[in-house]
Amino acid sequence: MQRTEERTEFLKDIVIGFAEDFGSNPWRQIKSGTYDPDDGIVTFFEIGDDGMHREHDVTIEIVEAGLAKLRSGECSMNSLMRGAILAADAENDAGQIDAYDADAIVQAGVFGELVYG
């Protein structure tokens, strides 16, 4: 299915929100020089409890997969947060997505669940 320009911008805005939030999520660190808001791609290191640093790319496809997990109920989370994300998703309105929401969406897309909070 072809994505609309509005949908693509919505997904990119979530990637940007994830990338620009450096302080509230100590489980990850953005890799220097890998953030491209025009392409909607960011690379980050997952800082695991085991001290290992695993590298992950976040793309608009990862964000879309995370949103799909939330829509289907496959990924459990706080019902208020889920409701807000789904409302934003339905309207393609990233203005309703805060840094914690973007983080949760990316976790759902990368890991299939919320691993870190």
N, C-alpha and C. Protein backbone atom coordinates (compact mmCIF):
# COMPACT_ATOMS: atom_id res chain seq x y z
N MET A 1 0.84 -1.18 0.00
CA MET A 1 0.00 0.00 0.00
C MET A 1 0.89 1.25 0.00
N GLN A 2 0.54 2.20 -0.81
CA GLN A 2 1.28 3.45 -0.93
C GLN A 2 0.98 4.35 0.26
N ARG A 3 2.05 4.89 0.86
CA ARG A 3 1.90 5.84 1.98
C ARG A 3 1.64 7.23 1.45
N THR A 4 0.75 7.94 2.10
CA THR A 4 0.54 9.33 1.74
C THR A 4 1.69 10.17 2.25
N GLU A 5 1.86 11.34 1.70
CA GLU A 5 2.89 12.26 2.16
C GLU A 5 2.64 12.63 3.63
N GLU A 6 1.37 12.82 3.97
CA GLU A 6 1.01 13.16 5.36
C GLU A 6 1.43 12.04 6.32
N ARG A 7 1.20 10.80 5.93
CA ARG A 7 1.57 9.66 6.77
C ARG A 7 3.09 9.57 6.91
N THR A 8 3.80 9.75 5.82
CA THR A 8 5.26 9.70 5.85
C THR A 8 5.81 10.77 6.79
N GLU A 9 5.29 11.97 6.71
CA GLU A 9 5.74 13.05 7.59
C GLU A 9 5.43 12.73 9.06
N PHE A 10 4.28 12.16 9.32
CA PHE A 10 3.91 11.75 10.67
C PHE A 10 4.93 10.75 11.22
N LEU A 11 5.26 9.74 10.43
CA LEU A 11 6.22 8.73 10.86
C LEU A 11 7.61 9.32 11.06
N LYS A 12 8.04 10.19 10.17
CA LYS A 12 9.34 10.86 10.32
C LYS A 12 9.36 11.71 11.59
N ASP A 13 8.25 12.38 11.88
CA ASP A 13 8.19 13.22 13.09
C ASP A 13 8.37 12.38 14.35
N ILE A 14 7.88 11.15 14.34
CA ILE A 14 8.07 10.27 15.49
C ILE A 14 9.54 9.87 15.61
N VAL A 15 10.18 9.57 14.48
CA VAL A 15 11.62 9.27 14.49
C VAL A 15 12.38 10.47 15.05
N ILE A 16 12.04 11.66 14.61
CA ILE A 16 12.69 12.87 15.09
C ILE A 16 12.47 13.04 16.60
N GLY A 17 11.23 12.83 17.06
CA GLY A 17 10.94 12.93 18.49
C GLY A 17 11.76 11.95 19.31
N PHE A 18 11.93 10.75 18.79
CA PHE A 18 12.76 9.75 19.45
C PHE A 18 14.21 10.20 19.49
N ALA A 19 14.70 10.70 18.37
CA ALA A 19 16.11 11.08 18.26
C ALA A 19 16.46 12.31 19.09
N GLU A 20 15.53 13.23 19.20
CA GLU A 20 15.83 14.49 19.88
C GLU A 20 15.69 14.41 21.39
N ASP A 21 15.14 13.33 21.91
CA ASP A 21 15.00 13.18 23.36
C ASP A 21 16.20 12.42 23.89
N PHE A 22 17.17 13.15 24.42
CA PHE A 22 18.41 12.52 24.88
C PHE A 22 18.41 12.20 26.37
N GLY A 23 17.66 12.93 27.18
CA GLY A 23 17.85 12.83 28.61
C GLY A 23 16.97 11.87 29.37
N SER A 24 15.75 11.62 28.89
CA SER A 24 14.81 10.90 29.74
C SER A 24 14.86 9.38 29.58
N ASN A 25 15.68 8.89 28.70
CA ASN A 25 15.71 7.45 28.44
C ASN A 25 17.14 6.92 28.48
N PRO A 26 17.61 6.59 29.67
CA PRO A 26 19.01 6.17 29.82
C PRO A 26 19.34 4.81 29.20
N TRP A 27 18.36 4.10 28.69
CA TRP A 27 18.61 2.79 28.10
C TRP A 27 19.20 2.88 26.69
N ARG A 28 19.27 4.10 26.15
CA ARG A 28 19.74 4.23 24.77
C ARG A 28 20.58 5.49 24.59
N GLN A 29 21.39 5.45 23.53
CA GLN A 29 22.22 6.59 23.18
C GLN A 29 22.25 6.69 21.66
N ILE A 30 21.98 7.88 21.15
CA ILE A 30 22.01 8.08 19.70
C ILE A 30 23.46 8.01 19.23
N LYS A 31 23.69 7.29 18.15
CA LYS A 31 25.03 7.17 17.57
C LYS A 31 25.35 8.46 16.82
N SER A 32 26.49 9.03 17.08
CA SER A 32 26.90 10.30 16.47
C SER A 32 26.90 10.20 14.95
N GLY A 33 26.39 11.25 14.32
CA GLY A 33 26.45 11.35 12.87
C GLY A 33 25.49 10.47 12.11
N THR A 34 24.54 9.86 12.79
CA THR A 34 23.64 8.94 12.08
C THR A 34 22.20 9.40 12.07
N TYR A 35 21.95 10.62 12.47
CA TYR A 35 20.59 11.12 12.53
C TYR A 35 20.31 11.97 11.30
N ASP A 36 19.36 11.56 10.49
CA ASP A 36 19.01 12.28 9.28
C ASP A 36 17.50 12.52 9.26
N PRO A 37 17.06 13.69 9.73
CA PRO A 37 15.62 13.95 9.79
C PRO A 37 14.94 13.96 8.43
N ASP A 38 15.67 14.27 7.37
CA ASP A 38 15.06 14.26 6.04
C ASP A 38 14.71 12.85 5.59
N ASP A 39 15.56 11.89 5.95
CA ASP A 39 15.29 10.50 5.59
C ASP A 39 14.46 9.78 6.63
N GLY A 40 14.36 10.34 7.83
CA GLY A 40 13.62 9.67 8.89
C GLY A 40 14.33 8.44 9.40
N ILE A 41 15.65 8.52 9.51
CA ILE A 41 16.44 7.38 9.98
C ILE A 41 17.36 7.85 11.11
N VAL A 42 17.45 7.03 12.15
CA VAL A 42 18.39 7.31 13.23
C VAL A 42 18.95 5.97 13.71
N THR A 43 20.21 5.96 14.08
CA THR A 43 20.83 4.77 14.65
C THR A 43 21.12 5.05 16.11
N PHE A 44 20.82 4.07 16.95
CA PHE A 44 21.08 4.24 18.37
C PHE A 44 21.69 2.98 18.95
N PHE A 45 22.34 3.16 20.09
CA PHE A 45 22.87 2.04 20.85
C PHE A 45 21.92 1.75 22.00
N GLU A 46 21.52 0.50 22.11
CA GLU A 46 20.78 0.04 23.28
C GLU A 46 21.81 -0.28 24.34
N ILE A 47 21.67 0.34 25.50
CA ILE A 47 22.60 0.09 26.59
C ILE A 47 21.91 -0.90 27.53
N GLY A 48 22.20 -2.17 27.35
CA GLY A 48 21.53 -3.23 28.09
C GLY A 48 21.99 -3.33 29.53
N ASP A 49 21.17 -4.00 30.32
CA ASP A 49 21.50 -4.22 31.73
C ASP A 49 22.78 -5.03 31.87
N ASP A 50 23.13 -5.76 30.83
CA ASP A 50 24.35 -6.58 30.86
C ASP A 50 25.60 -5.78 30.47
N GLY A 51 25.41 -4.47 30.23
CA GLY A 51 26.53 -3.62 29.86
C GLY A 51 26.86 -3.65 28.37
N MET A 52 26.16 -4.47 27.62
CA MET A 52 26.40 -4.56 26.18
C MET A 52 25.71 -3.42 25.46
N HIS A 53 26.32 -2.96 24.38
CA HIS A 53 25.76 -1.92 23.54
C HIS A 53 25.36 -2.55 22.20
N ARG A 54 24.07 -2.66 21.96
CA ARG A 54 23.58 -3.23 20.71
C ARG A 54 23.12 -2.09 19.81
N GLU A 55 23.45 -2.14 18.55
CA GLU A 55 23.11 -1.09 17.60
C GLU A 55 21.80 -1.41 16.89
N HIS A 56 20.94 -0.41 16.77
CA HIS A 56 19.66 -0.55 16.08
C HIS A 56 19.43 0.66 15.18
N ASP A 57 18.83 0.43 14.04
CA ASP A 57 18.38 1.52 13.17
C ASP A 57 16.89 1.72 13.39
N VAL A 58 16.48 2.97 13.43
CA VAL A 58 15.06 3.29 13.50
C VAL A 58 14.72 3.99 12.19
N THR A 59 13.76 3.43 11.51
CA THR A 59 13.27 3.97 10.24
C THR A 59 11.76 4.19 10.38
N ILE A 60 11.18 4.78 9.36
CA ILE A 60 9.73 4.95 9.41
C ILE A 60 9.02 3.59 9.35
N GLU A 61 9.66 2.59 8.78
CA GLU A 61 9.08 1.25 8.77
C GLU A 61 9.05 0.65 10.18
N ILE A 62 10.09 0.90 10.96
CA ILE A 62 10.13 0.44 12.36
C ILE A 62 9.02 1.13 13.15
N VAL A 63 8.85 2.42 12.92
CA VAL A 63 7.79 3.17 13.61
C VAL A 63 6.43 2.62 13.22
N GLU A 64 6.22 2.37 11.94
CA GLU A 64 4.94 1.82 11.48
C GLU A 64 4.69 0.45 12.10
N ALA A 65 5.73 -0.37 12.21
CA ALA A 65 5.59 -1.69 12.85
C ALA A 65 5.23 -1.55 14.33
N GLY A 66 5.84 -0.59 15.00
CA GLY A 66 5.52 -0.34 16.40
C GLY A 66 4.08 0.10 16.58
N LEU A 67 3.62 0.98 15.72
CA LEU A 67 2.23 1.43 15.78
C LEU A 67 1.28 0.27 15.52
N ALA A 68 1.63 -0.59 14.59
CA ALA A 68 0.79 -1.76 14.30
C ALA A 68 0.68 -2.67 15.52
N LYS A 69 1.80 -2.87 16.22
CA LYS A 69 1.79 -3.69 17.45
C LYS A 69 0.87 -3.07 18.49
N LEU A 70 0.90 -1.75 18.61
CA LEU A 70 0.04 -1.07 19.57
C LEU A 70 -1.42 -1.14 19.16
N ARG A 71 -1.70 -0.95 17.87
CA ARG A 71 -3.08 -1.02 17.38
C ARG A 71 -3.68 -2.40 17.61
N SER A 72 -2.89 -3.44 17.39
CA SER A 72 -3.39 -4.81 17.49
C SER A 72 -3.50 -5.30 18.94
N GLY A 73 -2.88 -4.57 19.86
CA GLY A 73 -2.88 -5.01 21.25
C GLY A 73 -1.78 -6.01 21.57
N GLU A 74 -0.92 -6.31 20.61
CA GLU A 74 0.18 -7.26 20.83
C GLU A 74 1.20 -6.73 21.83
N CYS A 75 1.27 -5.44 21.94
CA CYS A 75 2.23 -4.80 22.84
C CYS A 75 1.44 -4.11 23.95
N SER A 76 1.59 -4.58 25.17
CA SER A 76 0.83 -4.00 26.26
C SER A 76 1.52 -2.76 26.81
N MET A 77 0.69 -1.81 27.23
CA MET A 77 1.19 -0.57 27.82
C MET A 77 0.05 0.10 28.58
N ASN A 78 0.37 1.14 29.27
CA ASN A 78 -0.60 1.94 29.99
C ASN A 78 -1.72 2.35 29.04
N SER A 79 -2.97 2.17 29.46
CA SER A 79 -4.10 2.43 28.57
C SER A 79 -4.22 3.90 28.18
N LEU A 80 -3.86 4.81 29.06
CA LEU A 80 -3.92 6.24 28.71
C LEU A 80 -2.90 6.57 27.62
N MET A 81 -1.68 6.05 27.78
CA MET A 81 -0.64 6.28 26.79
C MET A 81 -1.04 5.66 25.46
N ARG A 82 -1.52 4.44 25.51
CA ARG A 82 -1.93 3.74 24.29
C ARG A 82 -3.04 4.50 23.58
N GLY A 83 -4.01 4.99 24.34
CA GLY A 83 -5.11 5.75 23.75
C GLY A 83 -4.63 7.01 23.06
N ALA A 84 -3.71 7.72 23.69
CA ALA A 84 -3.17 8.95 23.11
C ALA A 84 -2.40 8.66 21.83
N ILE A 85 -1.60 7.60 21.86
CA ILE A 85 -0.83 7.23 20.67
C ILE A 85 -1.75 6.82 19.53
N LEU A 86 -2.76 6.03 19.84
CA LEU A 86 -3.68 5.57 18.80
C LEU A 86 -4.49 6.73 18.22
N ALA A 87 -4.84 7.71 19.05
CA ALA A 87 -5.55 8.90 18.54
C ALA A 87 -4.65 9.67 17.58
N ALA A 88 -3.40 9.85 17.96
CA ALA A 88 -2.44 10.54 17.09
C ALA A 88 -2.24 9.76 15.80
N ASP A 89 -2.15 8.43 15.92
CA ASP A 89 -1.97 7.55 14.77
C ASP A 89 -3.14 7.69 13.80
N ALA A 90 -4.34 7.70 14.31
CA ALA A 90 -5.53 7.79 13.46
C ALA A 90 -5.59 9.12 12.71
N GLU A 91 -5.05 10.17 13.32
CA GLU A 91 -5.11 11.50 12.74
C GLU A 91 -3.81 11.92 12.05
N ASN A 92 -2.78 11.06 12.09
CA ASN A 92 -1.45 11.43 11.58
C ASN A 92 -0.98 12.74 12.19
N ASP A 93 -1.16 12.87 13.48
CA ASP A 93 -0.84 14.12 14.19
C ASP A 93 0.26 13.86 15.21
N ALA A 94 1.50 14.05 14.80
CA ALA A 94 2.63 13.83 15.70
C ALA A 94 2.71 14.88 16.79
N GLY A 95 1.96 15.94 16.68
CA GLY A 95 1.91 16.94 17.73
C GLY A 95 1.34 16.39 19.02
N GLN A 96 0.64 15.26 18.93
CA GLN A 96 0.08 14.60 20.10
C GLN A 96 1.04 13.57 20.70
N ILE A 97 2.18 13.36 20.06
CA ILE A 97 3.16 12.35 20.48
C ILE A 97 4.28 13.05 21.24
N ASP A 98 4.46 12.70 22.53
CA ASP A 98 5.58 13.28 23.27
C ASP A 98 6.77 12.32 23.22
N ALA A 99 7.85 12.70 23.89
CA ALA A 99 9.08 11.91 23.84
C ALA A 99 8.88 10.50 24.39
N TYR A 100 8.09 10.37 25.45
CA TYR A 100 7.85 9.04 26.03
C TYR A 100 7.03 8.17 25.07
N ASP A 101 6.07 8.80 24.38
CA ASP A 101 5.27 8.05 23.41
C ASP A 101 6.16 7.57 22.26
N ALA A 102 7.01 8.48 21.74
CA ALA A 102 7.90 8.10 20.64
C ALA A 102 8.82 6.96 21.06
N ASP A 103 9.32 7.04 22.28
CA ASP A 103 10.17 5.98 22.81
C ASP A 103 9.43 4.64 22.85
N ALA A 104 8.19 4.66 23.32
CA ALA A 104 7.39 3.43 23.41
C ALA A 104 7.10 2.86 22.02
N ILE A 105 6.79 3.73 21.06
CA ILE A 105 6.51 3.28 19.70
C ILE A 105 7.75 2.61 19.11
N VAL A 106 8.90 3.22 19.30
CA VAL A 106 10.14 2.64 18.76
C VAL A 106 10.45 1.32 19.45
N GLN A 107 10.29 1.25 20.76
CA GLN A 107 10.52 -0.03 21.45
C GLN A 107 9.61 -1.12 20.90
N ALA A 108 8.34 -0.79 20.69
CA ALA A 108 7.39 -1.77 20.14
C ALA A 108 7.84 -2.23 18.75
N GLY A 109 8.37 -1.30 17.96
CA GLY A 109 8.84 -1.65 16.61
C GLY A 109 10.12 -2.44 16.59
N VAL A 110 11.05 -2.09 17.48
CA VAL A 110 12.35 -2.76 17.51
C VAL A 110 12.29 -4.09 18.23
N PHE A 111 11.65 -4.10 19.41
CA PHE A 111 11.65 -5.28 20.27
C PHE A 111 10.35 -6.07 20.28
N GLY A 112 9.28 -5.48 19.77
CA GLY A 112 7.96 -6.14 19.79
C GLY A 112 7.25 -5.97 21.11
N GLU A 113 7.86 -5.26 22.03
CA GLU A 113 7.29 -5.02 23.35
C GLU A 113 8.03 -3.86 24.01
N LEU A 114 7.49 -3.39 25.14
CA LEU A 114 8.17 -2.36 25.90
C LEU A 114 9.13 -3.05 26.85
N VAL A 115 10.39 -2.91 26.59
CA VAL A 115 11.43 -3.54 27.38
C VAL A 115 11.91 -2.61 28.49
N TYR A 116 11.97 -1.33 28.17
CA TYR A 116 12.54 -0.33 29.08
C TYR A 116 11.47 0.67 29.49
N GLY A 117 10.69 0.33 30.49
CA GLY A 117 9.70 1.24 31.04
C GLY A 117 8.45 1.42 30.28
